[in-house]
Amino acid sequence: MSNEHSSTGLISWVLLIVLALVWGSSFILIKKSLLTFSAGEVGTLRMFIAFLGLLPFSLPVIRKVERSKLPVLFVVGLVGSLLPAILFAIAQTQLESAITGVINAMTPVFVLLIGLVFFHHKIKTINIIGIAIGFVGCTFIMLGGAYFDLSGVNLYALFVIAATVMYGTSVNLIKHFLTDIRSLHITAVSFTLVSPISLGYLLFATDFLNKIESPAFLSGLAYVTTLALIGTAMALVIFNKLVKTASPIFASSVTYVIPIVAIGWGLVDGEVLNIYQLIGIGIVLVGVYLANKK
C-alpha cells in the first residue's frame, strides 16, 4: 500500500510540474506571437485552434448536453476563455510577460470574491485578509514598475486583472450550474459555442488574411498553435488528471508555481524586474496563499 501511495504521489508531483511549465510558458508564447500578430488575432486564433484540437471531445457530447445548459456554456466560453485570451494579449503589448504571469495568480482570489458577493459563499476571515493582501500586491507591482511615479504607471495591468475577474466568474458559473458535466466536456463544448465569434472576428475584423504571405507568418502561427494545443487543450487534460490523481486542493497549488515559471522565461528573454516589482510579486503570492487557506 505504501509503495502504491508513493507512486501516486510521484505521479501527482510530475503532473503538477508539467502543468506549471505548460501554463507558465503561455505568457512568453503570447509575447512571441505578438511579434507577428495583433492582440485580437492572437486571442481569437488561439481560441479557434484550441477549438479544433478539442473537437474530438465536443462532437460526441454537444448533442447530449441539456439545451437549458447551452447559454451558460456559451457565457463560460466567452468570459472564461475567449475574452481573457484577447485581454492577456492586449496587456502583453505593453507589459512584461513575467508581470502578466504573476497577476494571473490572482485568479483564485477573484473566484472567492465573486463567490462571496454574488453567490453568497461563506469564507473565513483569513481568506478575506488574503484577498486584501493580494490587491495590495497588485497595486505594488503597478506602482513599483513606475517607481511610484503615478504618471508612469502601466495601466495595461488592468487588462490582466479584468481577465482574472472573468476567470473567477466562469469558475463560479461552472460550480453552480454545470456540476453534472465533465470539466473536459465543459471546455470543449464552450469552445465550440464561441468558435464562430473567434473565426468571424479573425477573418473579418483583423488583418490576419493579409499576413499569410508574410515571412514571419509561419513562425507566428507555430507560437499560437503551441499556445492553443499545449497551453490550452493539453493543459486541461493534465489538470483533470491531476484533480483525479491527487485532489483539487493539490491541483490548485499550481497557481503558486506558474508565476515562477513565467518570471523565469521573462528573465531568459531579457526582461528586467525592479526591487519594488519583486516585493509586489511576493505580496501577491502571500495573499493568494492566505485567500486559499482552508
Protein backbone atom coordinates (compact mmCIF):
# COMPACT_ATOMS: atom_id res chain seq x y z
CA MET A 1 0.00 0.00 0.00
CA SER A 2 2.80 2.41 0.88
CA ASN A 3 4.50 1.77 -2.49
CA GLU A 4 1.23 2.42 -4.28
CA HIS A 5 0.73 5.64 -2.30
CA SER A 6 4.26 6.87 -3.01
CA SER A 7 3.82 6.03 -6.70
CA THR A 8 0.61 8.07 -6.85
CA GLY A 9 2.35 10.92 -5.04
CA LEU A 10 5.21 10.89 -7.54
CA ILE A 11 2.81 10.93 -10.49
CA SER A 12 0.94 13.87 -8.95
CA TRP A 13 4.13 15.88 -8.50
CA VAL A 14 5.27 15.14 -12.06
CA LEU A 15 1.89 16.24 -13.42
CA LEU A 16 1.98 19.39 -11.27
CA ILE A 17 5.44 20.35 -12.55
CA VAL A 18 4.48 19.66 -16.18
CA LEU A 19 1.28 21.70 -15.81
CA ALA A 20 3.15 24.60 -14.22
CA LEU A 21 5.71 24.55 -17.04
CA VAL A 22 2.97 24.47 -19.68
CA TRP A 23 0.79 27.22 -18.19
CA GLY A 24 3.75 29.27 -17.01
CA SER A 25 5.14 29.23 -20.55
CA SER A 26 1.89 30.59 -22.02
CA PHE A 27 2.87 34.19 -21.32
CA ILE A 28 6.16 34.06 -23.21
CA LEU A 29 4.35 32.33 -26.10
CA ILE A 30 1.83 35.19 -26.20
CA LYS A 31 4.75 37.63 -26.26
CA LYS A 32 6.37 35.82 -29.19
CA SER A 33 3.05 35.53 -31.04
CA LEU A 34 2.60 39.31 -30.80
CA LEU A 35 5.73 39.79 -32.91
CA THR A 36 3.66 38.61 -35.90
CA PHE A 37 0.00 39.10 -34.99
CA SER A 38 -2.12 41.77 -33.32
CA ALA A 39 -3.59 41.14 -29.86
CA GLY A 40 -7.03 40.40 -31.34
CA GLU A 41 -5.51 37.96 -33.83
CA VAL A 42 -3.52 36.14 -31.13
CA GLY A 43 -6.55 35.79 -28.86
CA THR A 44 -9.05 34.63 -31.48
CA LEU A 45 -6.59 32.43 -33.40
CA ARG A 46 -5.55 30.76 -30.14
CA MET A 47 -9.20 30.04 -29.32
CA PHE A 48 -10.08 28.72 -32.77
CA ILE A 49 -7.09 26.37 -32.94
CA ALA A 50 -7.86 25.12 -29.42
CA PHE A 51 -11.46 24.53 -30.54
CA LEU A 52 -10.19 22.38 -33.43
CA GLY A 53 -7.95 20.45 -31.04
CA LEU A 54 -10.86 19.80 -28.66
CA LEU A 55 -13.33 18.91 -31.44
CA PRO A 56 -12.97 15.13 -30.90
CA PHE A 57 -14.18 15.67 -27.31
CA SER A 58 -17.01 18.09 -28.12
CA LEU A 59 -18.63 16.32 -31.08
CA PRO A 60 -19.77 13.22 -29.15
CA VAL A 61 -21.30 15.20 -26.27
CA ILE A 62 -22.61 18.50 -27.62
CA ARG A 63 -25.94 16.96 -28.71
CA LYS A 64 -26.33 15.24 -25.35
CA VAL A 65 -25.99 18.43 -23.31
CA GLU A 66 -29.30 19.82 -22.00
CA ARG A 67 -30.40 22.81 -24.08
CA SER A 68 -31.00 24.80 -20.89
CA LYS A 69 -27.25 24.49 -20.14
CA LEU A 70 -26.11 25.84 -23.52
CA PRO A 71 -26.48 29.56 -22.65
CA VAL A 72 -24.36 29.05 -19.51
CA LEU A 73 -21.77 27.11 -21.52
CA PHE A 74 -21.68 29.95 -24.06
CA VAL A 75 -21.07 32.53 -21.31
CA VAL A 76 -18.37 30.28 -19.82
CA GLY A 77 -16.69 30.09 -23.23
CA LEU A 78 -16.94 33.86 -23.64
CA VAL A 79 -15.81 35.10 -20.19
CA GLY A 80 -13.75 32.06 -19.23
CA SER A 81 -11.73 31.70 -22.43
CA LEU A 82 -12.28 33.99 -25.43
CA LEU A 83 -12.28 37.44 -23.80
CA PRO A 84 -9.41 36.62 -21.38
CA ALA A 85 -7.33 35.31 -24.31
CA ILE A 86 -7.74 38.68 -26.03
CA LEU A 87 -7.22 40.70 -22.83
CA PHE A 88 -3.97 38.88 -21.99
CA ALA A 89 -2.67 39.56 -25.49
CA ILE A 90 -3.63 43.26 -25.27
CA ALA A 91 -1.91 43.52 -21.87
CA GLN A 92 1.29 41.99 -23.17
CA THR A 93 1.63 44.55 -25.93
CA GLN A 94 2.76 46.91 -23.14
CA LEU A 95 3.50 44.63 -20.19
CA GLU A 96 6.30 42.18 -19.38
CA SER A 97 5.25 38.51 -19.63
CA ALA A 98 6.64 37.86 -16.12
CA ILE A 99 4.36 40.50 -14.58
CA THR A 100 1.38 39.15 -16.53
CA GLY A 101 2.07 35.66 -15.16
CA VAL A 102 2.20 36.94 -11.58
CA ILE A 103 -1.04 38.95 -11.75
CA ASN A 104 -2.72 35.88 -13.27
CA ALA A 105 -2.12 34.23 -9.87
CA MET A 106 -4.92 36.46 -8.55
CA THR A 107 -7.50 34.21 -10.24
CA PRO A 108 -8.30 32.15 -7.08
CA VAL A 109 -8.75 35.43 -5.18
CA PHE A 110 -11.47 36.54 -7.61
CA VAL A 111 -13.06 33.08 -7.52
CA LEU A 112 -13.52 33.60 -3.77
CA LEU A 113 -14.55 37.26 -4.03
CA ILE A 114 -17.18 36.72 -6.74
CA GLY A 115 -18.46 33.66 -4.88
CA LEU A 116 -18.84 35.80 -1.75
CA VAL A 117 -20.54 38.78 -3.41
CA PHE A 118 -22.79 37.12 -6.00
CA PHE A 119 -23.26 33.55 -4.80
CA HIS A 120 -23.25 34.17 -1.03
CA HIS A 121 -20.38 31.81 -0.28
CA LYS A 122 -19.10 31.79 3.26
CA ILE A 123 -15.38 32.43 3.66
CA LYS A 124 -13.15 32.79 6.69
CA THR A 125 -11.54 35.98 7.94
CA ILE A 126 -8.10 34.70 6.92
CA ASN A 127 -9.36 34.39 3.33
CA ILE A 128 -10.63 37.98 3.35
CA ILE A 129 -7.24 39.12 4.65
CA GLY A 130 -5.61 37.18 1.80
CA ILE A 131 -7.85 38.88 -0.77
CA ALA A 132 -6.90 42.30 0.61
CA ILE A 133 -3.18 41.45 0.61
CA GLY A 134 -3.46 40.20 -2.98
CA PHE A 135 -4.87 43.54 -4.10
CA VAL A 136 -2.12 45.38 -2.23
CA GLY A 137 0.45 43.25 -4.05
CA CYS A 138 -1.05 44.01 -7.49
CA THR A 139 -1.08 47.73 -6.66
CA PHE A 140 2.53 47.49 -5.53
CA ILE A 141 3.52 45.80 -8.81
CA MET A 142 1.79 48.51 -10.88
CA LEU A 143 3.18 51.44 -8.86
CA GLY A 144 6.58 49.83 -8.33
CA GLY A 145 7.07 49.37 -12.05
CA ALA A 146 6.95 53.16 -12.36
CA TYR A 147 8.99 53.69 -9.19
CA PHE A 148 5.82 55.10 -7.59
CA ASP A 149 5.56 57.89 -10.15
CA LEU A 150 1.83 57.93 -10.86
CA SER A 151 2.33 59.46 -14.31
CA GLY A 152 4.33 56.39 -15.36
CA VAL A 153 2.02 53.65 -14.05
CA ASN A 154 1.36 50.97 -16.64
CA LEU A 155 -2.42 50.66 -16.64
CA TYR A 156 -2.26 47.69 -19.02
CA ALA A 157 -2.06 45.56 -15.87
CA LEU A 158 -5.78 46.31 -15.50
CA PHE A 159 -6.43 44.18 -18.60
CA VAL A 160 -4.88 41.19 -16.79
CA ILE A 161 -6.92 41.91 -13.66
CA ALA A 162 -10.07 42.10 -15.81
CA ALA A 163 -9.21 38.70 -17.31
CA THR A 164 -8.77 37.14 -13.86
CA VAL A 165 -12.16 38.60 -12.81
CA MET A 166 -13.67 36.84 -15.83
CA TYR A 167 -11.93 33.59 -14.87
CA GLY A 168 -13.40 33.95 -11.37
CA THR A 169 -16.86 34.49 -12.85
CA SER A 170 -16.52 31.46 -15.11
CA VAL A 171 -15.43 29.15 -12.28
CA ASN A 172 -18.41 30.18 -10.17
CA LEU A 173 -20.84 29.66 -13.05
CA ILE A 174 -19.42 26.18 -13.60
CA LYS A 175 -19.63 25.38 -9.89
CA HIS A 176 -23.27 26.45 -9.61
CA PHE A 177 -24.79 25.43 -12.94
CA LEU A 178 -22.61 22.82 -14.64
CA THR A 179 -21.54 20.37 -11.93
CA ASP A 180 -23.15 17.45 -13.76
CA ILE A 181 -20.93 17.92 -16.84
CA ARG A 182 -17.32 16.72 -17.00
CA SER A 183 -14.85 19.60 -16.98
CA LEU A 184 -13.23 18.42 -20.23
CA HIS A 185 -16.64 18.47 -21.91
CA ILE A 186 -17.44 21.91 -20.45
CA THR A 187 -14.32 23.32 -22.04
CA ALA A 188 -14.74 21.51 -25.36
CA VAL A 189 -18.41 22.47 -25.77
CA SER A 190 -17.92 26.06 -24.57
CA PHE A 191 -15.07 26.49 -27.07
CA THR A 192 -17.33 25.12 -29.81
CA LEU A 193 -20.10 27.60 -28.97
CA VAL A 194 -17.81 30.64 -29.18
CA SER A 195 -15.79 29.39 -32.17
CA PRO A 196 -17.99 31.24 -34.73
CA ILE A 197 -17.18 34.51 -32.92
CA SER A 198 -13.47 33.66 -32.87
CA LEU A 199 -13.37 32.78 -36.57
CA GLY A 200 -15.63 35.66 -37.62
CA TYR A 201 -13.56 38.24 -35.75
CA LEU A 202 -10.31 36.76 -37.04
CA LEU A 203 -11.40 36.79 -40.69
CA PHE A 204 -13.45 39.97 -40.91
CA ALA A 205 -12.23 42.32 -38.15
CA THR A 206 -8.47 41.82 -38.38
CA ASP A 207 -5.68 41.90 -40.95
CA PHE A 208 -4.97 38.17 -40.48
CA LEU A 209 -5.53 37.05 -44.11
CA ASN A 210 -3.12 39.68 -45.43
CA LYS A 211 -0.37 38.30 -43.18
CA ILE A 212 -0.42 34.80 -44.65
CA GLU A 213 2.26 35.70 -47.21
CA SER A 214 4.41 37.43 -44.58
CA PRO A 215 7.84 35.80 -43.96
CA ALA A 216 7.07 35.75 -40.21
CA PHE A 217 3.63 34.12 -40.62
CA LEU A 218 4.71 30.50 -40.11
CA SER A 219 6.80 31.23 -37.02
CA GLY A 220 3.96 33.29 -35.52
CA LEU A 221 1.46 30.55 -36.33
CA ALA A 222 3.75 28.00 -34.67
CA TYR A 223 3.79 30.04 -31.44
CA VAL A 224 -0.01 30.46 -31.40
CA THR A 225 -0.61 26.78 -32.26
CA THR A 226 1.69 25.69 -29.43
CA LEU A 227 -0.14 28.09 -27.12
CA ALA A 228 -3.53 26.74 -28.21
CA LEU A 229 -2.92 22.98 -28.34
CA ILE A 230 -0.44 22.59 -25.48
CA GLY A 231 -1.18 25.64 -23.30
CA THR A 232 -4.95 25.17 -23.55
CA ALA A 233 -6.11 21.74 -24.74
CA MET A 234 -3.32 19.53 -23.33
CA ALA A 235 -3.07 21.56 -20.11
CA LEU A 236 -6.76 20.94 -19.44
CA VAL A 237 -6.32 17.17 -19.80
CA ILE A 238 -3.33 17.27 -17.41
CA PHE A 239 -5.27 19.35 -14.89
CA ASN A 240 -8.24 16.95 -14.96
CA LYS A 241 -5.88 14.02 -14.44
CA LEU A 242 -4.20 15.85 -11.56
CA VAL A 243 -7.52 16.50 -9.82
CA LYS A 244 -8.35 12.80 -10.02
CA THR A 245 -4.87 11.53 -9.11
CA ALA A 246 -4.37 13.86 -6.14
CA SER A 247 -7.03 16.40 -5.11
CA PRO A 248 -8.50 19.74 -6.21
CA ILE A 249 -6.54 21.47 -3.43
CA PHE A 250 -3.23 19.96 -4.58
CA ALA A 251 -4.09 20.79 -8.20
CA SER A 252 -4.82 24.42 -7.31
CA SER A 253 -1.32 24.77 -5.84
CA VAL A 254 -0.11 25.09 -9.45
CA THR A 255 -1.19 28.73 -9.01
CA TYR A 256 1.94 29.39 -6.97
CA VAL A 257 4.35 27.71 -9.40
CA ILE A 258 3.08 29.35 -12.62
CA PRO A 259 4.46 32.83 -11.71
CA ILE A 260 7.89 31.33 -11.03
CA VAL A 261 7.94 29.74 -14.49
CA ALA A 262 6.62 32.94 -16.11
CA ILE A 263 9.29 35.04 -14.35
CA GLY A 264 11.98 32.54 -15.39
CA TRP A 265 11.01 32.76 -19.07
CA GLY A 266 10.83 36.53 -18.82
CA LEU A 267 14.36 36.77 -17.41
CA VAL A 268 15.65 34.38 -20.10
CA ASP A 269 14.07 36.68 -22.71
CA GLY A 270 15.82 39.73 -21.27
CA GLU A 271 13.02 41.17 -19.16
CA VAL A 272 14.08 43.14 -16.09
CA LEU A 273 12.15 43.45 -12.81
CA ASN A 274 12.98 46.13 -10.27
CA ILE A 275 13.09 45.54 -6.50
CA TYR A 276 9.63 47.05 -5.97
CA GLN A 277 8.06 44.69 -8.51
CA LEU A 278 9.77 41.72 -6.84
CA ILE A 279 8.36 42.80 -3.46
CA GLY A 280 4.93 43.13 -5.07
CA ILE A 281 5.25 39.61 -6.51
CA GLY A 282 5.98 38.27 -3.02
CA ILE A 283 2.98 40.12 -1.58
CA VAL A 284 0.66 38.72 -4.27
CA LEU A 285 1.78 35.14 -3.62
CA VAL A 286 1.29 35.57 0.16
CA GLY A 287 -2.18 36.99 -0.49
CA VAL A 288 -3.14 34.13 -2.81
CA TYR A 289 -1.89 31.60 -0.23
CA LEU A 290 -3.94 33.14 2.59
CA ALA A 291 -7.01 33.54 0.36
CA ASN A 292 -6.94 29.78 -0.33
CA LYS A 293 -6.11 28.70 3.22
CA LYS A 294 -8.70 26.24 4.46
